Amino acid sequence: MIDKIHHVGIAVHDLDEALKFYRDTLGLHVHARDTVEDQGVKAALLTIGESEIELLEPTRPDSAVGKFLERKGEGLHHICFQTEDVDGDLETLKEKEVPLVDQKSRRGIAGMICFLHPKASRGVLVELATPMEMYRG
């Protein structure tokens, strides 16, 4: 089911300010940057070895990241595991009655994604992703 850690998501108030540290100070390369309207976020993926860090800035306060920042402040938001078949793995998780946020995969900056409910993983928000170049759906 899981190939590797794809990225760690970090919620930030200001993406450009966060990039000053991760890109400018640490020297990480910005691999992708996009606004994902349906999720209400501006996101940037920064490469580090074979994995990435995703910085997430809410575009509206009622988005999931906006609500997270209101409750907990900036910091670790989620961990994303890469899988070859996000749709098949999602069906397997449904069969196992794993609590889910998403009932079907959707497009995100990391490819086709879905989220498991934090109840499933001891309070950690887990994302599964199949990069678009691997996606067969």
N, C-alpha and C. Protein backbone atom coordinates (compact mmCIF):
# COMPACT_ATOMS: atom_id res chain seq x y z
N MET A 1 0.82 -1.19 0.00
CA MET A 1 0.00 0.00 0.00
C MET A 1 0.86 1.26 0.00
N ILE A 2 1.89 1.32 0.81
CA ILE A 2 2.69 2.54 0.96
C ILE A 2 4.08 2.32 0.38
N ASP A 3 4.50 3.24 -0.48
CA ASP A 3 5.83 3.17 -1.08
C ASP A 3 6.87 3.94 -0.27
N LYS A 4 6.47 5.13 0.19
CA LYS A 4 7.41 5.99 0.92
C LYS A 4 6.64 7.16 1.51
N ILE A 5 7.32 7.93 2.34
CA ILE A 5 6.75 9.20 2.77
C ILE A 5 6.90 10.15 1.59
N HIS A 6 5.78 10.67 1.11
CA HIS A 6 5.82 11.60 -0.01
C HIS A 6 6.17 12.99 0.49
N HIS A 7 5.42 13.45 1.51
CA HIS A 7 5.72 14.76 2.08
C HIS A 7 5.14 14.89 3.48
N VAL A 8 5.60 15.90 4.16
CA VAL A 8 5.05 16.32 5.44
C VAL A 8 4.43 17.69 5.20
N GLY A 9 3.17 17.85 5.59
CA GLY A 9 2.47 19.12 5.39
C GLY A 9 2.60 20.02 6.60
N ILE A 10 2.89 21.29 6.35
CA ILE A 10 3.06 22.28 7.41
C ILE A 10 2.10 23.45 7.13
N ALA A 11 1.23 23.74 8.08
CA ALA A 11 0.30 24.86 7.96
C ALA A 11 1.01 26.15 8.34
N VAL A 12 0.85 27.17 7.50
CA VAL A 12 1.48 28.47 7.74
C VAL A 12 0.47 29.59 7.49
N HIS A 13 0.69 30.71 8.15
CA HIS A 13 -0.17 31.88 7.92
C HIS A 13 0.16 32.56 6.61
N ASP A 14 1.44 32.57 6.23
CA ASP A 14 1.89 33.31 5.05
C ASP A 14 2.90 32.47 4.29
N LEU A 15 2.50 31.98 3.12
CA LEU A 15 3.35 31.09 2.32
C LEU A 15 4.66 31.77 1.93
N ASP A 16 4.59 33.02 1.48
CA ASP A 16 5.81 33.71 1.05
C ASP A 16 6.79 33.90 2.21
N GLU A 17 6.27 34.20 3.39
CA GLU A 17 7.14 34.34 4.56
C GLU A 17 7.77 33.00 4.92
N ALA A 18 6.99 31.91 4.85
CA ALA A 18 7.53 30.58 5.16
C ALA A 18 8.60 30.17 4.15
N LEU A 19 8.40 30.55 2.88
CA LEU A 19 9.39 30.22 1.86
C LEU A 19 10.73 30.89 2.12
N LYS A 20 10.71 32.04 2.78
CA LYS A 20 11.97 32.71 3.12
C LYS A 20 12.85 31.81 3.97
N PHE A 21 12.23 31.01 4.83
CA PHE A 21 13.02 30.09 5.64
C PHE A 21 13.36 28.81 4.88
N TYR A 22 12.34 28.10 4.40
CA TYR A 22 12.56 26.78 3.80
C TYR A 22 13.33 26.85 2.48
N ARG A 23 13.02 27.84 1.64
CA ARG A 23 13.69 27.96 0.34
C ARG A 23 14.97 28.78 0.47
N ASP A 24 14.84 29.99 1.02
CA ASP A 24 15.96 30.92 1.01
C ASP A 24 17.03 30.59 2.05
N THR A 25 16.62 30.21 3.25
CA THR A 25 17.58 29.91 4.31
C THR A 25 18.11 28.48 4.20
N LEU A 26 17.20 27.51 4.06
CA LEU A 26 17.62 26.10 4.01
C LEU A 26 18.04 25.65 2.61
N GLY A 27 17.66 26.42 1.58
CA GLY A 27 18.06 26.10 0.22
C GLY A 27 17.25 25.00 -0.45
N LEU A 28 16.03 24.73 0.05
CA LEU A 28 15.20 23.70 -0.57
C LEU A 28 14.61 24.22 -1.87
N HIS A 29 14.51 23.35 -2.86
CA HIS A 29 13.99 23.70 -4.18
C HIS A 29 12.47 23.62 -4.19
N VAL A 30 11.81 24.66 -4.71
CA VAL A 30 10.35 24.64 -4.86
C VAL A 30 10.04 23.81 -6.11
N HIS A 31 9.46 22.64 -5.88
CA HIS A 31 9.14 21.69 -6.95
C HIS A 31 7.82 22.05 -7.63
N ALA A 32 6.86 22.54 -6.87
CA ALA A 32 5.54 22.91 -7.41
C ALA A 32 4.92 23.95 -6.50
N ARG A 33 4.08 24.79 -7.10
CA ARG A 33 3.36 25.80 -6.34
C ARG A 33 2.03 26.01 -7.03
N ASP A 34 0.94 26.02 -6.24
CA ASP A 34 -0.38 26.12 -6.84
C ASP A 34 -1.39 26.58 -5.79
N THR A 35 -2.51 27.07 -6.28
CA THR A 35 -3.67 27.34 -5.43
C THR A 35 -4.69 26.26 -5.73
N VAL A 36 -5.12 25.56 -4.69
CA VAL A 36 -6.12 24.51 -4.84
C VAL A 36 -7.43 25.06 -4.28
N GLU A 37 -8.24 25.59 -5.19
CA GLU A 37 -9.46 26.31 -4.80
C GLU A 37 -10.41 25.47 -3.95
N ASP A 38 -10.65 24.21 -4.36
CA ASP A 38 -11.64 23.41 -3.63
C ASP A 38 -11.17 23.06 -2.21
N GLN A 39 -9.86 23.13 -1.96
CA GLN A 39 -9.35 22.89 -0.61
C GLN A 39 -9.10 24.20 0.14
N GLY A 40 -9.21 25.33 -0.57
CA GLY A 40 -9.01 26.62 0.07
C GLY A 40 -7.59 26.87 0.54
N VAL A 41 -6.59 26.44 -0.27
CA VAL A 41 -5.20 26.63 0.13
C VAL A 41 -4.33 27.07 -1.04
N LYS A 42 -3.28 27.81 -0.68
CA LYS A 42 -2.13 28.01 -1.55
C LYS A 42 -1.08 27.07 -1.02
N ALA A 43 -0.44 26.32 -1.93
CA ALA A 43 0.50 25.29 -1.49
C ALA A 43 1.79 25.36 -2.29
N ALA A 44 2.87 24.95 -1.64
CA ALA A 44 4.16 24.81 -2.31
C ALA A 44 4.77 23.50 -1.84
N LEU A 45 5.32 22.74 -2.80
CA LEU A 45 6.06 21.53 -2.48
C LEU A 45 7.54 21.82 -2.66
N LEU A 46 8.32 21.53 -1.63
CA LEU A 46 9.76 21.74 -1.66
C LEU A 46 10.46 20.40 -1.55
N THR A 47 11.40 20.14 -2.43
CA THR A 47 12.10 18.87 -2.50
C THR A 47 13.19 18.80 -1.43
N ILE A 48 13.24 17.63 -0.77
CA ILE A 48 14.30 17.34 0.18
C ILE A 48 14.61 15.84 0.05
N GLY A 49 15.71 15.51 -0.62
CA GLY A 49 16.03 14.11 -0.89
C GLY A 49 14.97 13.49 -1.79
N GLU A 50 14.44 12.34 -1.39
CA GLU A 50 13.39 11.67 -2.15
C GLU A 50 12.00 12.04 -1.66
N SER A 51 11.91 12.94 -0.70
CA SER A 51 10.64 13.36 -0.14
C SER A 51 10.46 14.86 -0.34
N GLU A 52 9.37 15.37 0.19
CA GLU A 52 9.08 16.79 0.05
C GLU A 52 8.47 17.34 1.33
N ILE A 53 8.48 18.64 1.43
CA ILE A 53 7.74 19.37 2.46
C ILE A 53 6.69 20.17 1.73
N GLU A 54 5.46 20.14 2.23
CA GLU A 54 4.38 20.93 1.64
C GLU A 54 4.02 22.04 2.62
N LEU A 55 4.09 23.28 2.14
CA LEU A 55 3.66 24.43 2.93
C LEU A 55 2.25 24.79 2.49
N LEU A 56 1.36 25.01 3.46
CA LEU A 56 -0.05 25.26 3.18
C LEU A 56 -0.51 26.56 3.83
N GLU A 57 -0.96 27.49 3.02
CA GLU A 57 -1.55 28.74 3.51
C GLU A 57 -3.03 28.75 3.14
N PRO A 58 -3.92 28.98 4.10
CA PRO A 58 -5.34 29.01 3.75
C PRO A 58 -5.68 30.24 2.90
N THR A 59 -6.60 30.06 1.96
CA THR A 59 -7.09 31.20 1.17
C THR A 59 -8.37 31.76 1.76
N ARG A 60 -8.94 31.02 2.71
CA ARG A 60 -10.15 31.49 3.41
C ARG A 60 -10.16 30.87 4.81
N PRO A 61 -10.73 31.56 5.78
CA PRO A 61 -10.67 31.07 7.17
C PRO A 61 -11.50 29.82 7.42
N ASP A 62 -12.49 29.53 6.58
CA ASP A 62 -13.33 28.35 6.79
C ASP A 62 -12.78 27.08 6.14
N SER A 63 -11.60 27.16 5.51
CA SER A 63 -10.98 25.97 4.93
C SER A 63 -10.43 25.10 6.05
N ALA A 64 -10.14 23.84 5.73
CA ALA A 64 -9.60 22.93 6.75
C ALA A 64 -8.29 23.47 7.34
N VAL A 65 -7.42 24.01 6.49
CA VAL A 65 -6.15 24.56 6.99
C VAL A 65 -6.40 25.85 7.78
N GLY A 66 -7.36 26.66 7.34
CA GLY A 66 -7.71 27.86 8.09
C GLY A 66 -8.21 27.53 9.48
N LYS A 67 -9.07 26.53 9.59
CA LYS A 67 -9.59 26.09 10.90
C LYS A 67 -8.47 25.50 11.76
N PHE A 68 -7.57 24.75 11.13
CA PHE A 68 -6.44 24.17 11.85
C PHE A 68 -5.58 25.28 12.46
N LEU A 69 -5.26 26.29 11.65
CA LEU A 69 -4.44 27.40 12.15
C LEU A 69 -5.12 28.13 13.30
N GLU A 70 -6.43 28.28 13.21
CA GLU A 70 -7.19 28.96 14.27
C GLU A 70 -7.10 28.16 15.58
N ARG A 71 -7.19 26.84 15.48
CA ARG A 71 -7.17 25.98 16.67
C ARG A 71 -5.77 25.74 17.22
N LYS A 72 -4.82 25.49 16.33
CA LYS A 72 -3.52 25.01 16.79
C LYS A 72 -2.34 25.90 16.44
N GLY A 73 -2.53 26.86 15.53
CA GLY A 73 -1.42 27.70 15.11
C GLY A 73 -0.58 27.00 14.06
N GLU A 74 0.49 27.66 13.65
CA GLU A 74 1.36 27.11 12.62
C GLU A 74 2.05 25.84 13.11
N GLY A 75 2.30 24.94 12.17
CA GLY A 75 3.04 23.73 12.52
C GLY A 75 2.63 22.54 11.69
N LEU A 76 3.06 21.36 12.14
CA LEU A 76 2.81 20.12 11.43
C LEU A 76 1.31 19.91 11.25
N HIS A 77 0.89 19.71 10.01
CA HIS A 77 -0.52 19.53 9.68
C HIS A 77 -0.84 18.08 9.33
N HIS A 78 -0.01 17.44 8.50
CA HIS A 78 -0.28 16.05 8.10
C HIS A 78 0.97 15.38 7.57
N ILE A 79 0.87 14.06 7.43
CA ILE A 79 1.92 13.28 6.77
C ILE A 79 1.27 12.59 5.57
N CYS A 80 1.97 12.60 4.46
CA CYS A 80 1.46 12.02 3.23
C CYS A 80 2.32 10.83 2.82
N PHE A 81 1.66 9.71 2.58
CA PHE A 81 2.34 8.51 2.10
C PHE A 81 2.05 8.34 0.61
N GLN A 82 3.08 8.03 -0.14
CA GLN A 82 2.90 7.77 -1.58
C GLN A 82 2.48 6.33 -1.79
N THR A 83 1.53 6.13 -2.70
CA THR A 83 1.05 4.82 -3.07
C THR A 83 0.89 4.75 -4.58
N GLU A 84 1.02 3.58 -5.14
CA GLU A 84 0.86 3.42 -6.59
C GLU A 84 -0.60 3.46 -7.01
N ASP A 85 -1.53 3.18 -6.08
CA ASP A 85 -2.94 3.05 -6.43
C ASP A 85 -3.83 3.63 -5.34
N VAL A 86 -3.95 4.94 -5.32
CA VAL A 86 -4.73 5.60 -4.28
C VAL A 86 -6.19 5.13 -4.29
N ASP A 87 -6.75 4.89 -5.48
CA ASP A 87 -8.15 4.47 -5.56
C ASP A 87 -8.33 3.06 -4.99
N GLY A 88 -7.46 2.14 -5.37
CA GLY A 88 -7.53 0.78 -4.85
C GLY A 88 -7.29 0.73 -3.35
N ASP A 89 -6.33 1.51 -2.88
CA ASP A 89 -6.04 1.54 -1.45
C ASP A 89 -7.21 2.15 -0.67
N LEU A 90 -7.86 3.13 -1.24
CA LEU A 90 -9.03 3.74 -0.59
C LEU A 90 -10.15 2.70 -0.45
N GLU A 91 -10.36 1.90 -1.48
CA GLU A 91 -11.38 0.85 -1.40
C GLU A 91 -11.02 -0.18 -0.33
N THR A 92 -9.74 -0.56 -0.24
CA THR A 92 -9.30 -1.49 0.78
C THR A 92 -9.54 -0.92 2.18
N LEU A 93 -9.26 0.36 2.36
CA LEU A 93 -9.48 1.00 3.66
C LEU A 93 -10.97 1.05 4.00
N LYS A 94 -11.82 1.29 3.01
CA LYS A 94 -13.27 1.26 3.25
C LYS A 94 -13.71 -0.12 3.72
N GLU A 95 -13.20 -1.17 3.06
CA GLU A 95 -13.53 -2.54 3.44
C GLU A 95 -13.10 -2.84 4.86
N LYS A 96 -12.00 -2.25 5.29
CA LYS A 96 -11.49 -2.45 6.65
C LYS A 96 -12.17 -1.51 7.64
N GLU A 97 -13.13 -0.71 7.15
CA GLU A 97 -13.89 0.24 7.98
C GLU A 97 -13.00 1.26 8.68
N VAL A 98 -11.95 1.69 7.98
CA VAL A 98 -11.08 2.74 8.48
C VAL A 98 -11.81 4.07 8.35
N PRO A 99 -11.86 4.89 9.40
CA PRO A 99 -12.50 6.20 9.28
C PRO A 99 -11.78 7.07 8.25
N LEU A 100 -12.55 7.67 7.34
CA LEU A 100 -12.00 8.44 6.24
C LEU A 100 -12.55 9.85 6.21
N VAL A 101 -11.76 10.77 5.70
CA VAL A 101 -12.24 12.11 5.37
C VAL A 101 -12.84 12.08 3.97
N ASP A 102 -12.13 11.43 3.04
CA ASP A 102 -12.56 11.37 1.64
C ASP A 102 -13.08 9.98 1.29
N GLN A 103 -14.20 9.95 0.57
CA GLN A 103 -14.75 8.68 0.10
C GLN A 103 -14.24 8.32 -1.29
N LYS A 104 -13.68 9.30 -1.99
CA LYS A 104 -13.05 9.05 -3.28
C LYS A 104 -11.86 9.98 -3.42
N SER A 105 -10.93 9.61 -4.29
CA SER A 105 -9.74 10.44 -4.46
C SER A 105 -10.09 11.73 -5.18
N ARG A 106 -9.23 12.72 -5.00
CA ARG A 106 -9.42 14.02 -5.64
C ARG A 106 -8.05 14.57 -6.02
N ARG A 107 -8.05 15.54 -6.89
CA ARG A 107 -6.79 16.12 -7.35
C ARG A 107 -6.24 17.09 -6.31
N GLY A 108 -4.96 16.96 -6.04
CA GLY A 108 -4.25 17.86 -5.13
C GLY A 108 -2.90 18.20 -5.74
N ILE A 109 -2.12 19.00 -5.08
CA ILE A 109 -0.82 19.39 -5.62
C ILE A 109 0.13 18.19 -5.71
N ALA A 110 -0.09 17.16 -4.89
CA ALA A 110 0.77 15.97 -4.89
C ALA A 110 0.29 14.90 -5.87
N GLY A 111 -0.82 15.14 -6.57
CA GLY A 111 -1.38 14.16 -7.50
C GLY A 111 -2.81 13.85 -7.12
N MET A 112 -3.22 12.60 -7.26
CA MET A 112 -4.54 12.17 -6.80
C MET A 112 -4.39 11.78 -5.34
N ILE A 113 -5.23 12.36 -4.49
CA ILE A 113 -5.05 12.25 -3.04
C ILE A 113 -6.33 11.83 -2.34
N CYS A 114 -6.19 11.40 -1.11
CA CYS A 114 -7.31 11.23 -0.19
C CYS A 114 -6.76 11.33 1.22
N PHE A 115 -7.65 11.67 2.15
CA PHE A 115 -7.26 11.80 3.54
C PHE A 115 -7.99 10.78 4.40
N LEU A 116 -7.26 10.21 5.35
CA LEU A 116 -7.84 9.35 6.37
C LEU A 116 -8.18 10.23 7.56
N HIS A 117 -9.22 9.88 8.28
CA HIS A 117 -9.60 10.67 9.45
C HIS A 117 -8.55 10.46 10.55
N PRO A 118 -8.21 11.50 11.29
CA PRO A 118 -7.22 11.36 12.37
C PRO A 118 -7.60 10.30 13.42
N LYS A 119 -8.89 9.97 13.53
CA LYS A 119 -9.30 8.91 14.47
C LYS A 119 -8.66 7.58 14.09
N ALA A 120 -8.36 7.39 12.81
CA ALA A 120 -7.79 6.13 12.33
C ALA A 120 -6.34 5.96 12.74
N SER A 121 -5.66 7.06 13.01
CA SER A 121 -4.21 7.00 13.18
C SER A 121 -3.72 7.73 14.43
N ARG A 122 -4.49 7.60 15.49
CA ARG A 122 -4.09 8.16 16.79
C ARG A 122 -3.88 9.67 16.76
N GLY A 123 -4.77 10.37 16.02
CA GLY A 123 -4.74 11.82 16.03
C GLY A 123 -3.90 12.46 14.94
N VAL A 124 -3.28 11.67 14.07
CA VAL A 124 -2.46 12.21 12.99
C VAL A 124 -3.28 12.22 11.70
N LEU A 125 -3.34 13.36 11.04
CA LEU A 125 -4.00 13.43 9.74
C LEU A 125 -3.09 12.78 8.71
N VAL A 126 -3.59 11.72 8.04
CA VAL A 126 -2.81 10.98 7.07
C VAL A 126 -3.41 11.19 5.68
N GLU A 127 -2.53 11.48 4.74
CA GLU A 127 -2.92 11.64 3.34
C GLU A 127 -2.25 10.51 2.55
N LEU A 128 -2.96 9.98 1.57
CA LEU A 128 -2.38 9.07 0.59
C LEU A 128 -2.34 9.80 -0.74
N ALA A 129 -1.28 9.62 -1.52
CA ALA A 129 -1.16 10.30 -2.80
C ALA A 129 -0.53 9.40 -3.85
N THR A 130 -1.08 9.47 -5.04
CA THR A 130 -0.46 8.87 -6.21
C THR A 130 -0.10 10.02 -7.14
N PRO A 131 1.21 10.28 -7.35
CA PRO A 131 1.59 11.36 -8.26
C PRO A 131 0.94 11.16 -9.64
N MET A 132 0.62 12.27 -10.31
CA MET A 132 -0.11 12.20 -11.58
C MET A 132 0.62 11.35 -12.62
N GLU A 133 1.95 11.37 -12.62
CA GLU A 133 2.67 10.58 -13.61
C GLU A 133 2.54 9.08 -13.37
N MET A 134 2.08 8.68 -12.19
CA MET A 134 1.86 7.27 -11.85
C MET A 134 0.39 6.88 -11.90
N TYR A 135 -0.51 7.87 -11.88
CA TYR A 135 -1.94 7.61 -11.71
C TYR A 135 -2.53 6.95 -12.96
N ARG A 136 -3.30 5.86 -12.73
CA ARG A 136 -3.90 5.11 -13.82
C ARG A 136 -5.42 5.22 -13.86
N GLY A 137 -6.00 6.06 -13.00
CA GLY A 137 -7.47 6.14 -12.90
C GLY A 137 -8.04 6.95 -13.97
